[in-house]
PDB file of N, CA and C in Angstrom:
ATOM      1  N   UNK A   1      11.042 -29.789  37.346  1.00  0.00           N
ATOM      2  CA  UNK A   1      11.807 -28.721  36.474  1.00  0.00           C
ATOM      3  C   UNK A   1      11.422 -28.470  35.318  1.00  0.00           C
ATOM      4  N   UNK A   2      11.289 -27.225  34.750  1.00  0.00           N
ATOM      5  CA  UNK A   2      10.422 -26.986  33.585  1.00  0.00           C
ATOM      6  C   UNK A   2      11.687 -27.328  32.282  1.00  0.00           C
ATOM      7  N   UNK A   3      10.915 -27.496  31.277  1.00  0.00           N
ATOM      8  CA  UNK A   3      11.897 -27.753  30.019  1.00  0.00           C
ATOM      9  C   UNK A   3      12.516 -26.652  29.703  1.00  0.00           C
ATOM     10  N   UNK A   4      13.748 -26.656  29.455  1.00  0.00           N
ATOM     11  CA  UNK A   4      14.596 -25.456  29.124  1.00  0.00           C
ATOM     12  C   UNK A   4      14.291 -24.816  28.124  1.00  0.00           C
ATOM     13  N   UNK A   5      13.869 -25.376  26.908  1.00  0.00           N
ATOM     14  CA  UNK A   5      13.460 -25.307  25.524  1.00  0.00           C
ATOM     15  C   UNK A   5      12.571 -24.559  25.740  1.00  0.00           C
ATOM     16  N   UNK A   6      11.228 -24.768  26.588  1.00  0.00           N
ATOM     17  CA  UNK A   6       9.913 -24.122  26.634  1.00  0.00           C
ATOM     18  C   UNK A   6      10.298 -22.593  27.162  1.00  0.00           C
ATOM     19  N   UNK A   7      11.220 -22.461  28.289  1.00  0.00           N
ATOM     20  CA  UNK A   7      11.635 -21.223  28.911  1.00  0.00           C
ATOM     21  C   UNK A   7      12.365 -20.307  27.570  1.00  0.00           C
ATOM     22  N   UNK A   8      13.046 -20.887  26.733  1.00  0.00           N
ATOM     23  CA  UNK A   8      13.761 -20.176  25.667  1.00  0.00           C
ATOM     24  C   UNK A   8      12.800 -19.621  24.862  1.00  0.00           C
ATOM     25  N   UNK A   9      11.567 -20.485  24.350  1.00  0.00           N
ATOM     26  CA  UNK A   9      10.631 -20.217  23.649  1.00  0.00           C
ATOM     27  C   UNK A   9       9.634 -19.260  23.927  1.00  0.00           C
ATOM     28  N   UNK A  10       9.287 -19.169  25.303  1.00  0.00           N
ATOM     29  CA  UNK A  10       8.515 -18.084  25.969  1.00  0.00           C
ATOM     30  C   UNK A  10       9.233 -16.765  25.906  1.00  0.00           C
ATOM     31  N   UNK A  11      10.596 -16.862  26.258  1.00  0.00           N
ATOM     32  CA  UNK A  11      11.342 -15.509  26.194  1.00  0.00           C
ATOM     33  C   UNK A  11      11.279 -14.988  24.879  1.00  0.00           C
ATOM     34  N   UNK A  12      11.781 -15.748  23.974  1.00  0.00           N
ATOM     35  CA  UNK A  12      11.783 -15.252  22.344  1.00  0.00           C
ATOM     36  C   UNK A  12      10.287 -14.894  22.115  1.00  0.00           C
ATOM     37  N   UNK A  13       9.259 -15.422  22.444  1.00  0.00           N
ATOM     38  CA  UNK A  13       7.924 -14.642  22.033  1.00  0.00           C
ATOM     39  C   UNK A  13       8.096 -13.507  22.797  1.00  0.00           C
ATOM     40  N   UNK A  14       8.003 -13.197  24.219  1.00  0.00           N
ATOM     41  CA  UNK A  14       8.147 -12.058  24.795  1.00  0.00           C
ATOM     42  C   UNK A  14       8.652 -11.038  24.243  1.00  0.00           C
ATOM     43  N   UNK A  15      10.406 -11.358  23.500  1.00  0.00           N
ATOM     44  CA  UNK A  15      11.036 -10.533  23.025  1.00  0.00           C
ATOM     45  C   UNK A  15      10.344 -10.167  21.651  1.00  0.00           C
ATOM     46  N   UNK A  16       9.700 -10.933  20.783  1.00  0.00           N
ATOM     47  CA  UNK A  16       9.146 -10.599  19.788  1.00  0.00           C
ATOM     48  C   UNK A  16       8.116  -9.784  20.112  1.00  0.00           C
ATOM     49  N   UNK A  17       7.413  -9.889  20.740  1.00  0.00           N
ATOM     50  CA  UNK A  17       6.218  -8.779  20.977  1.00  0.00           C
ATOM     51  C   UNK A  17       6.816  -7.827  21.146  1.00  0.00           C
ATOM     52  N   UNK A  18       7.674  -7.588  22.195  1.00  0.00           N
ATOM     53  CA  UNK A  18       8.349  -6.273  22.387  1.00  0.00           C
ATOM     54  C   UNK A  18       8.641  -5.811  21.479  1.00  0.00           C
ATOM     55  N   UNK A  19       9.394  -6.143  20.521  1.00  0.00           N
ATOM     56  CA  UNK A  19       9.864  -5.601  19.155  1.00  0.00           C
ATOM     57  C   UNK A  19       8.814  -5.311  18.376  1.00  0.00           C
ATOM     58  N   UNK A  20       7.626  -5.917  17.948  1.00  0.00           N
ATOM     59  CA  UNK A  20       6.782  -5.304  17.445  1.00  0.00           C
ATOM     60  C   UNK A  20       6.210  -4.145  17.839  1.00  0.00           C
ATOM     61  N   UNK A  21       5.859  -4.256  19.415  1.00  0.00           N
ATOM     62  CA  UNK A  21       5.236  -2.708  19.949  1.00  0.00           C
ATOM     63  C   UNK A  21       6.178  -1.624  19.500  1.00  0.00           C
ATOM     64  N   UNK A  22       7.577  -1.897  19.663  1.00  0.00           N
ATOM     65  CA  UNK A  22       8.331  -0.734  19.322  1.00  0.00           C
ATOM     66  C   UNK A  22       8.375  -0.664  17.914  1.00  0.00           C
ATOM     67  N   UNK A  23       8.348  -1.347  17.184  1.00  0.00           N
ATOM     68  CA  UNK A  23       8.219  -1.091  15.476  1.00  0.00           C
ATOM     69  C   UNK A  23       6.810  -0.039  15.464  1.00  0.00           C
ATOM     70  N   UNK A  24       5.820  -0.710  15.954  1.00  0.00           N
ATOM     71  CA  UNK A  24       4.535   0.027  15.790  1.00  0.00           C
ATOM     72  C   UNK A  24       4.492   1.702  16.216  1.00  0.00           C
ATOM     73  N   UNK A  25       5.277   1.580  17.570  1.00  0.00           N
ATOM     74  CA  UNK A  25       5.261   3.164  18.069  1.00  0.00           C
ATOM     75  C   UNK A  25       6.369   3.855  17.046  1.00  0.00           C
ATOM     76  N   UNK A  26       7.215   3.316  16.311  1.00  0.00           N
ATOM     77  CA  UNK A  26       8.073   4.136  15.763  1.00  0.00           C
ATOM     78  C   UNK A  26       7.591   4.768  14.419  1.00  0.00           C
ATOM     79  N   UNK A  27       6.536   3.697  13.913  1.00  0.00           N
ATOM     80  CA  UNK A  27       5.646   4.176  12.911  1.00  0.00           C
ATOM     81  C   UNK A  27       4.634   5.244  13.167  1.00  0.00           C
ATOM     82  N   UNK A  28       3.813   5.128  14.379  1.00  0.00           N
ATOM     83  CA  UNK A  28       3.050   5.803  14.497  1.00  0.00           C
ATOM     84  C   UNK A  28       3.842   7.313  14.937  1.00  0.00           C
ATOM     85  N   UNK A  29       4.970   7.217  15.441  1.00  0.00           N
ATOM     86  CA  UNK A  29       5.663   8.525  15.813  1.00  0.00           C
ATOM     87  C   UNK A  29       6.055   9.360  14.887  1.00  0.00           C
ATOM     88  N   UNK A  30       6.465   8.779  13.587  1.00  0.00           N
ATOM     89  CA  UNK A  30       7.093   9.367  12.503  1.00  0.00           C
ATOM     90  C   UNK A  30       6.213   9.978  11.615  1.00  0.00           C
ATOM     91  N   UNK A  31       5.583  10.807  11.224  1.00  0.00           N
ATOM     92  CA  UNK A  31       4.765  11.305  10.368  1.00  0.00           C
ATOM     93  C   UNK A  31       5.216  11.284   9.059  1.00  0.00           C
ATOM     94  N   UNK A  32       4.726  10.928   7.932  1.00  0.00           N
ATOM     95  CA  UNK A  32       5.137  10.794   6.670  1.00  0.00           C
ATOM     96  C   UNK A  32       5.008  12.436   5.982  1.00  0.00           C
ATOM     97  N   UNK A  33       5.795  12.597   5.304  1.00  0.00           N
ATOM     98  CA  UNK A  33       5.732  13.939   4.606  1.00  0.00           C
ATOM     99  C   UNK A  33       4.897  13.766   3.582  1.00  0.00           C
ATOM    100  N   UNK A  34       4.543  15.193   3.165  1.00  0.00           N
ATOM    101  CA  UNK A  34       3.297  15.136   2.189  1.00  0.00           C
ATOM    102  C   UNK A  34       3.956  15.001   0.766  1.00  0.00           C
ATOM    103  N   UNK A  35       5.416  15.667   0.431  1.00  0.00           N
ATOM    104  CA  UNK A  35       6.031  15.753  -0.555  1.00  0.00           C
ATOM    105  C   UNK A  35       7.257  14.718  -0.354  1.00  0.00           C
ATOM    106  N   UNK A  36       7.304  13.797  -1.503  1.00  0.00           N
ATOM    107  CA  UNK A  36       8.399  12.786  -1.296  1.00  0.00           C
ATOM    108  C   UNK A  36       9.728  12.818  -2.511  1.00  0.00           C
ATOM    109  N   UNK A  37      10.635  12.387  -2.052  1.00  0.00           N
ATOM    110  CA  UNK A  37      11.817  12.507  -2.920  1.00  0.00           C
ATOM    111  C   UNK A  37      11.861  11.107  -3.845  1.00  0.00           C
ATOM    112  N   UNK A  38      12.916  10.884  -4.469  1.00  0.00           N
ATOM    113  CA  UNK A  38      12.904   9.768  -5.209  1.00  0.00           C
ATOM    114  C   UNK A  38      13.079   8.433  -4.206  1.00  0.00           C
ATOM    115  N   UNK A  39      13.888   8.766  -3.223  1.00  0.00           N
ATOM    116  CA  UNK A  39      14.309   7.494  -1.992  1.00  0.00           C
ATOM    117  C   UNK A  39      12.924   7.182  -1.448  1.00  0.00           C
ATOM    118  N   UNK A  40      12.307   8.412  -1.062  1.00  0.00           N
ATOM    119  CA  UNK A  40      11.155   8.215  -0.109  1.00  0.00           C
ATOM    120  C   UNK A  40      10.036   7.527  -1.208  1.00  0.00           C
ATOM    121  N   UNK A  41       9.962   7.988  -2.352  1.00  0.00           N
ATOM    122  CA  UNK A  41       8.587   7.489  -3.288  1.00  0.00           C
ATOM    123  C   UNK A  41       9.083   5.899  -3.377  1.00  0.00           C
ATOM    124  N   UNK A  42      10.335   5.582  -3.504  1.00  0.00           N
ATOM    125  CA  UNK A  42      10.430   4.164  -4.018  1.00  0.00           C
ATOM    126  C   UNK A  42      10.106   3.477  -2.691  1.00  0.00           C
ATOM    127  N   UNK A  43      10.630   3.701  -1.861  1.00  0.00           N
ATOM    128  CA  UNK A  43      10.191   3.088  -0.266  1.00  0.00           C
ATOM    129  C   UNK A  43       8.717   2.931  -0.086  1.00  0.00           C
ATOM    130  N   UNK A  44       7.890   4.099  -0.205  1.00  0.00           N
ATOM    131  CA  UNK A  44       6.603   4.057  -0.189  1.00  0.00           C
ATOM    132  C   UNK A  44       5.797   3.158  -1.204  1.00  0.00           C
ATOM    133  N   UNK A  45       6.012   3.367  -2.177  1.00  0.00           N
ATOM    134  CA  UNK A  45       5.286   2.400  -3.111  1.00  0.00           C
ATOM    135  C   UNK A  45       5.894   0.971  -3.556  1.00  0.00           C
ATOM    136  N   UNK A  46       6.830   0.750  -2.919  1.00  0.00           N
ATOM    137  CA  UNK A  46       7.569  -0.591  -3.000  1.00  0.00           C
ATOM    138  C   UNK A  46       7.901  -0.946  -4.221  1.00  0.00           C
ATOM    139  N   UNK A  47       8.596   0.009  -5.240  1.00  0.00           N
ATOM    140  CA  UNK A  47       9.134  -0.299  -6.552  1.00  0.00           C
ATOM    141  C   UNK A  47      10.672   0.294  -6.289  1.00  0.00           C
ATOM    142  N   UNK A  48      11.323  -0.239  -7.420  1.00  0.00           N
ATOM    143  CA  UNK A  48      12.724   0.089  -7.710  1.00  0.00           C
ATOM    144  C   UNK A  48      12.754   1.529  -8.359  1.00  0.00           C
ATOM    145  N   UNK A  49      13.961   2.152  -8.223  1.00  0.00           N
ATOM    146  CA  UNK A  49      14.277   3.665  -8.746  1.00  0.00           C
ATOM    147  C   UNK A  49      13.948   3.393 -10.163  1.00  0.00           C
ATOM    148  N   UNK A  50      14.548   2.292 -10.799  1.00  0.00           N
ATOM    149  CA  UNK A  50      14.352   2.309 -12.203  1.00  0.00           C
ATOM    150  C   UNK A  50      12.982   2.239 -12.926  1.00  0.00           C
ATOM    151  N   UNK A  51      12.369   1.419 -12.186  1.00  0.00           N
ATOM    152  CA  UNK A  51      10.822   1.197 -12.346  1.00  0.00           C
ATOM    153  C   UNK A  51      10.363   2.684 -12.356  1.00  0.00           C
ATOM    154  N   UNK A  52      10.316   3.578 -11.256  1.00  0.00           N
ATOM    155  CA  UNK A  52       9.814   4.664 -10.972  1.00  0.00           C
ATOM    156  C   UNK A  52      10.504   5.549 -12.009  1.00  0.00           C
ATOM    157  N   UNK A  53      11.809   5.861 -12.425  1.00  0.00           N
ATOM    158  CA  UNK A  53      12.436   6.499 -13.736  1.00  0.00           C
ATOM    159  C   UNK A  53      11.428   6.053 -14.898  1.00  0.00           C
ATOM    160  N   UNK A  54      11.261   4.904 -15.111  1.00  0.00           N
ATOM    161  CA  UNK A  54      10.882   4.489 -16.565  1.00  0.00           C
ATOM    162  C   UNK A  54       9.307   4.870 -16.413  1.00  0.00           C
ATOM    163  N   UNK A  55       8.625   4.946 -15.308  1.00  0.00           N
ATOM    164  CA  UNK A  55       7.164   5.303 -15.365  1.00  0.00           C
ATOM    165  C   UNK A  55       6.918   6.889 -15.564  1.00  0.00           C
ATOM    166  N   UNK A  56       7.912   7.822 -14.824  1.00  0.00           N
ATOM    167  CA  UNK A  56       8.207   9.050 -14.933  1.00  0.00           C
ATOM    168  C   UNK A  56       8.459   9.617 -16.652  1.00  0.00           C
ATOM    169  N   UNK A  57       9.153   8.823 -16.997  1.00  0.00           N
ATOM    170  CA  UNK A  57       9.545   9.204 -18.432  1.00  0.00           C
ATOM    171  C   UNK A  57       8.633   8.692 -19.315  1.00  0.00           C
ATOM    172  N   UNK A  58       7.354   7.958 -19.012  1.00  0.00           N
ATOM    173  CA  UNK A  58       6.529   7.440 -19.930  1.00  0.00           C
ATOM    174  C   UNK A  58       5.031   8.506 -19.294  1.00  0.00           C
ATOM    175  N   UNK A  59       5.214   9.019 -18.245  1.00  0.00           N
ATOM    176  CA  UNK A  59       4.255   9.930 -17.703  1.00  0.00           C
ATOM    177  C   UNK A  59       3.179   8.996 -17.295  1.00  0.00           C
ATOM    178  N   UNK A  60       3.885   7.768 -16.724  1.00  0.00           N
ATOM    179  CA  UNK A  60       2.416   6.910 -16.202  1.00  0.00           C
ATOM    180  C   UNK A  60       2.571   7.187 -14.422  1.00  0.00           C
ATOM    181  N   UNK A  61       3.016   7.873 -13.982  1.00  0.00           N
ATOM    182  CA  UNK A  61       3.094   8.072 -12.499  1.00  0.00           C
ATOM    183  C   UNK A  61       3.094   9.615 -12.397  1.00  0.00           C
ATOM    184  N   UNK A  62       1.991  10.211 -11.401  1.00  0.00           N
ATOM    185  CA  UNK A  62       2.250  11.374 -11.175  1.00  0.00           C
ATOM    186  C   UNK A  62       3.419  12.034 -10.934  1.00  0.00           C
ATOM    187  N   UNK A  63       4.012  13.177 -10.991  1.00  0.00           N
ATOM    188  CA  UNK A  63       5.322  13.621 -10.426  1.00  0.00           C
ATOM    189  C   UNK A  63       5.499  15.176 -10.775  1.00  0.00           C
ATOM    190  N   UNK A  64       6.468  15.695 -10.212  1.00  0.00           N
ATOM    191  CA  UNK A  64       6.978  17.218 -10.394  1.00  0.00           C
ATOM    192  C   UNK A  64       8.354  17.208 -10.623  1.00  0.00           C
ATOM    193  N   UNK A  65       8.676  17.973 -11.339  1.00  0.00           N
ATOM    194  CA  UNK A  65      10.454  18.184 -11.431  1.00  0.00           C
ATOM    195  C   UNK A  65      10.796  19.668 -11.312  1.00  0.00           C
ATOM    196  N   UNK A  66      11.653  19.589 -10.975  1.00  0.00           N
ATOM    197  CA  UNK A  66      12.352  20.770 -10.407  1.00  0.00           C
ATOM    198  C   UNK A  66      14.084  20.441 -10.744  1.00  0.00           C
ATOM    199  N   UNK A  67      14.200  21.010 -11.933  1.00  0.00           N
ATOM    200  CA  UNK A  67      15.714  20.902 -12.498  1.00  0.00           C
ATOM    201  C   UNK A  67      15.754  19.366 -12.968  1.00  0.00           C
ATOM    202  N   UNK A  68      16.594  18.593 -12.320  1.00  0.00           N
ATOM    203  CA  UNK A  68      16.903  17.071 -12.647  1.00  0.00           C
ATOM    204  C   UNK A  68      16.057  16.286 -11.251  1.00  0.00           C
ATOM    205  N   UNK A  69      15.586  17.134 -10.402  1.00  0.00           N
ATOM    206  CA  UNK A  69      15.144  16.340  -9.101  1.00  0.00           C
ATOM    207  C   UNK A  69      13.533  16.055  -9.303  1.00  0.00           C
ATOM    208  N   UNK A  70      13.253  14.452  -9.120  1.00  0.00           N
ATOM    209  CA  UNK A  70      11.850  14.456  -8.909  1.00  0.00           C
ATOM    210  C   UNK A  70      11.304  14.574  -7.729  1.00  0.00           C
ATOM    211  N   UNK A  71      10.201  14.870  -7.458  1.00  0.00           N
ATOM    212  CA  UNK A  71       9.258  14.828  -6.249  1.00  0.00           C
ATOM    213  C   UNK A  71       7.979  14.295  -6.564  1.00  0.00           C
ATOM    214  N   UNK A  72       7.493  13.638  -5.557  1.00  0.00           N
ATOM    215  CA  UNK A  72       5.839  13.113  -5.829  1.00  0.00           C
ATOM    216  C   UNK A  72       5.222  13.430  -4.435  1.00  0.00           C
ATOM    217  N   UNK A  73       3.828  13.825  -4.622  1.00  0.00           N
ATOM    218  CA  UNK A  73       2.926  14.031  -3.476  1.00  0.00           C
ATOM    219  C   UNK A  73       2.479  12.802  -3.216  1.00  0.00           C
ATOM    220  N   UNK A  74       2.397  12.613  -2.108  1.00  0.00           N
ATOM    221  CA  UNK A  74       1.910  11.457  -1.298  1.00  0.00           C
ATOM    222  C   UNK A  74       0.301  11.085  -1.619  1.00  0.00           C
ATOM    223  N   UNK A  75      -0.402  12.097  -1.730  1.00  0.00           N
ATOM    224  CA  UNK A  75      -1.808  11.841  -1.920  1.00  0.00           C
ATOM    225  C   UNK A  75      -1.978  11.479  -3.522  1.00  0.00           C
ATOM    226  N   UNK A  76      -1.207  12.088  -4.296  1.00  0.00           N
ATOM    227  CA  UNK A  76      -1.252  11.641  -5.883  1.00  0.00           C
ATOM    228  C   UNK A  76      -0.762  10.013  -6.028  1.00  0.00           C
ATOM    229  N   UNK A  77       0.444   9.582  -5.010  1.00  0.00           N
ATOM    230  CA  UNK A  77       0.633   8.181  -5.100  1.00  0.00           C
ATOM    231  C   UNK A  77      -0.338   7.287  -4.790  1.00  0.00           C
ATOM    232  N   UNK A  78      -1.039   7.820  -3.526  1.00  0.00           N
ATOM    233  CA  UNK A  78      -2.254   7.034  -2.932  1.00  0.00           C
ATOM    234  C   UNK A  78      -3.001   6.884  -4.090  1.00  0.00           C
ATOM    235  N   UNK A  79      -3.545   7.753  -4.450  1.00  0.00           N
ATOM    236  CA  UNK A  79      -4.561   7.755  -5.783  1.00  0.00           C
ATOM    237  C   UNK A  79      -4.084   6.994  -6.951  1.00  0.00           C
ATOM    238  N   UNK A  80      -2.890   7.125  -7.391  1.00  0.00           N
ATOM    239  CA  UNK A  80      -2.281   6.288  -8.491  1.00  0.00           C
ATOM    240  C   UNK A  80      -2.305   5.082  -8.096  1.00  0.00           C
ATOM    241  N   UNK A  81      -1.875   4.532  -6.916  1.00  0.00           N
ATOM    242  CA  UNK A  81      -1.793   3.041  -6.380  1.00  0.00           C
ATOM    243  C   UNK A  81      -3.278   2.534  -6.490  1.00  0.00           C
ATOM    244  N   UNK A  82      -4.176   2.948  -5.869  1.00  0.00           N
ATOM    245  CA  UNK A  82      -5.570   2.615  -5.739  1.00  0.00           C
ATOM    246  C   UNK A  82      -6.428   2.607  -6.990  1.00  0.00           C
ATOM    247  N   UNK A  83      -6.189   3.248  -8.251  1.00  0.00           N
ATOM    248  CA  UNK A  83      -6.852   3.631  -9.089  1.00  0.00           C
ATOM    249  C   UNK A  83      -7.481   2.348 -10.051  1.00  0.00           C
ATOM    250  N   UNK A  84      -6.688   1.375 -10.075  1.00  0.00           N
ATOM    251  CA  UNK A  84      -7.140  -0.105 -10.638  1.00  0.00           C
ATOM    252  C   UNK A  84      -7.602  -1.264  -9.515  1.00  0.00           C
ATOM    253  N   UNK A  85      -8.541  -0.963  -8.780  1.00  0.00           N
ATOM    254  CA  UNK A  85      -9.015  -1.718  -7.920  1.00  0.00           C
ATOM    255  C   UNK A  85      -9.577  -2.981  -8.447  1.00  0.00           C
ATOM    256  N   UNK A  86      -9.483  -4.151  -7.819  1.00  0.00           N
ATOM    257  CA  UNK A  86     -10.039  -5.401  -8.618  1.00  0.00           C
ATOM    258  C   UNK A  86     -11.385  -5.759  -7.915  1.00  0.00           C
ATOM    259  N   UNK A  87     -12.364  -5.759  -8.517  1.00  0.00           N
ATOM    260  CA  UNK A  87     -13.687  -6.275  -7.737  1.00  0.00           C
ATOM    261  C   UNK A  87     -13.390  -7.463  -7.252  1.00  0.00           C
ATOM    262  N   UNK A  88     -14.225  -7.911  -6.107  1.00  0.00           N
ATOM    263  CA  UNK A  88     -14.163  -9.092  -5.474  1.00  0.00           C
ATOM    264  C   UNK A  88     -15.401  -9.963  -6.224  1.00  0.00           C
ATOM    265  N   UNK A  89     -15.384 -11.160  -6.077  1.00  0.00           N
ATOM    266  CA  UNK A  89     -16.505 -11.948  -6.663  1.00  0.00           C
ATOM    267  C   UNK A  89     -17.627 -11.918  -6.178  1.00  0.00           C
ATOM    268  N   UNK A  90     -17.939 -11.384  -4.706  1.00  0.00           N
ATOM    269  CA  UNK A  90     -19.302 -11.196  -4.620  1.00  0.00           C
ATOM    270  C   UNK A  90     -19.983  -9.632  -5.003  1.00  0.00           C
ATOM    271  N   UNK A  91     -18.808  -8.672  -5.402  1.00  0.00           N
ATOM    272  CA  UNK A  91     -19.279  -7.607  -5.952  1.00  0.00           C
ATOM    273  C   UNK A  91     -19.586  -8.039  -7.457  1.00  0.00           C
ATOM    274  N   UNK A  92     -19.140  -8.583  -8.308  1.00  0.00           N
ATOM    275  CA  UNK A  92     -19.335  -8.948  -9.501  1.00  0.00           C
ATOM    276  C   UNK A  92     -20.609  -9.579  -9.471  1.00  0.00           C
ATOM    277  N   UNK A  93     -20.934 -10.652  -8.644  1.00  0.00           N
ATOM    278  CA  UNK A  93     -22.190 -11.355  -8.458  1.00  0.00           C
ATOM    279  C   UNK A  93     -23.251 -10.290  -8.407  1.00  0.00           C
ATOM    280  N   UNK A  94     -23.138  -9.437  -7.516  1.00  0.00           N
ATOM    281  CA  UNK A  94     -24.152  -8.496  -7.269  1.00  0.00           C
ATOM    282  C   UNK A  94     -24.401  -7.366  -8.255  1.00  0.00           C
ATOM    283  N   UNK A  95     -23.290  -7.069  -8.817  1.00  0.00           N
ATOM    284  CA  UNK A  95     -23.582  -6.086 -10.370  1.00  0.00           C
ATOM    285  C   UNK A  95     -24.218  -6.987 -11.203  1.00  0.00           C
ATOM    286  N   UNK A  96     -23.905  -8.388 -11.769  1.00  0.00           N
ATOM    287  CA  UNK A  96     -24.395  -9.207 -12.450  1.00  0.00           C
ATOM    288  C   UNK A  96     -26.339  -9.340 -12.100  1.00  0.00           C
ATOM    289  N   UNK A  97     -26.342  -9.655 -10.893  1.00  0.00           N
ATOM    290  CA  UNK A  97     -27.551  -9.655 -10.287  1.00  0.00           C
ATOM    291  C   UNK A  97     -28.646  -8.302 -10.669  1.00  0.00           C
ATOM    292  N   UNK A  98     -27.837  -7.331  -9.984  1.00  0.00           N
ATOM    293  CA  UNK A  98     -28.477  -5.783 -10.597  1.00  0.00           C
ATOM    294  C   UNK A  98     -28.897  -5.604 -12.035  1.00  0.00           C
ATOM    295  N   UNK A  99     -27.809  -5.951 -12.995  1.00  0.00           N
ATOM    296  CA  UNK A  99     -27.959  -5.981 -14.564  1.00  0.00           C
ATOM    297  C   UNK A  99     -29.300  -6.724 -14.873  1.00  0.00           C
ATOM    298  N   UNK A 100     -29.354  -8.125 -14.271  1.00  0.00           N
ATOM    299  CA  UNK A 100     -30.544  -8.647 -14.884  1.00  0.00           C
ATOM    300  C   UNK A 100     -31.854  -8.365 -14.372  1.00  0.00           C
ATOM    301  N   UNK A 101     -31.781  -7.920 -13.049  1.00  0.00           N
ATOM    302  CA  UNK A 101     -33.093  -7.226 -12.431  1.00  0.00           C
ATOM    303  C   UNK A 101     -33.563  -5.951 -13.339  1.00  0.00           C
ATOM    304  N   UNK A 102     -32.632  -5.064 -13.790  1.00  0.00           N
ATOM    305  CA  UNK A 102     -32.672  -4.045 -14.525  1.00  0.00           C
ATOM    306  C   UNK A 102     -33.334  -4.269 -16.103  1.00  0.00           C
ATOM    307  N   UNK A 103     -32.532  -5.367 -16.374  1.00  0.00           N
ATOM    308  CA  UNK A 103     -32.954  -5.798 -17.790  1.00  0.00           C
ATOM    309  C   UNK A 103     -34.464  -6.289 -17.955  1.00  0.00           C
ATOM    310  N   UNK A 104     -34.858  -7.053 -16.728  1.00  0.00           N
ATOM    311  CA  UNK A 104     -36.118  -7.501 -16.894  1.00  0.00           C
ATOM    312  C   UNK A 104     -37.129  -6.632 -16.745  1.00  0.00           C
ATOM    313  N   UNK A 105     -36.861  -5.608 -15.788  1.00  0.00           N
ATOM    314  CA  UNK A 105     -37.668  -4.443 -15.682  1.00  0.00           C
ATOM    315  C   UNK A 105     -37.729  -3.566 -17.213  1.00  0.00           C
ATOM    316  N   UNK A 106     -36.943  -3.456 -17.878  1.00  0.00           N
ATOM    317  CA  UNK A 106     -37.105  -2.832 -18.987  1.00  0.00           C
ATOM    318  C   UNK A 106     -37.710  -3.626 -20.234  1.00  0.00           C
ATOM    319  N   UNK A 107     -37.615  -4.747 -20.094  1.00  0.00           N
ATOM    320  CA  UNK A 107     -38.495  -5.730 -20.790  1.00  0.00           C
ATOM    321  C   UNK A 107     -40.191  -5.669 -20.839  1.00  0.00           C
ATOM    322  N   UNK A 108     -40.600  -5.470 -19.677  1.00  0.00           N
ATOM    323  CA  UNK A 108     -41.942  -5.209 -19.519  1.00  0.00           C
ATOM    324  C   UNK A 108     -42.606  -4.328 -19.758  1.00  0.00           C
TER     325      UNK A 108
END
């Protein structure tokens, strides 16, 4: 006779796998709009409303305003989120090596 706990774990793993598939299908089937309202923007960039309001007041985040309502273009938010990329250690080492090579060529 098989261990009942193992049966339960197997069934839970199966359920978890099915839920992940359903979640992925939902993400794929719902296209993101090009223009976000405040609620959609907060969810998209994972920030609070107050943080986004503060950034719009300081003109730190690209946005549009029609009356009192704020709108955000998805492509602008994508660009804003990725503008301060941190280089990897390997990229920094490569840049340093390239710099030293160029510097040595200039001395000759």
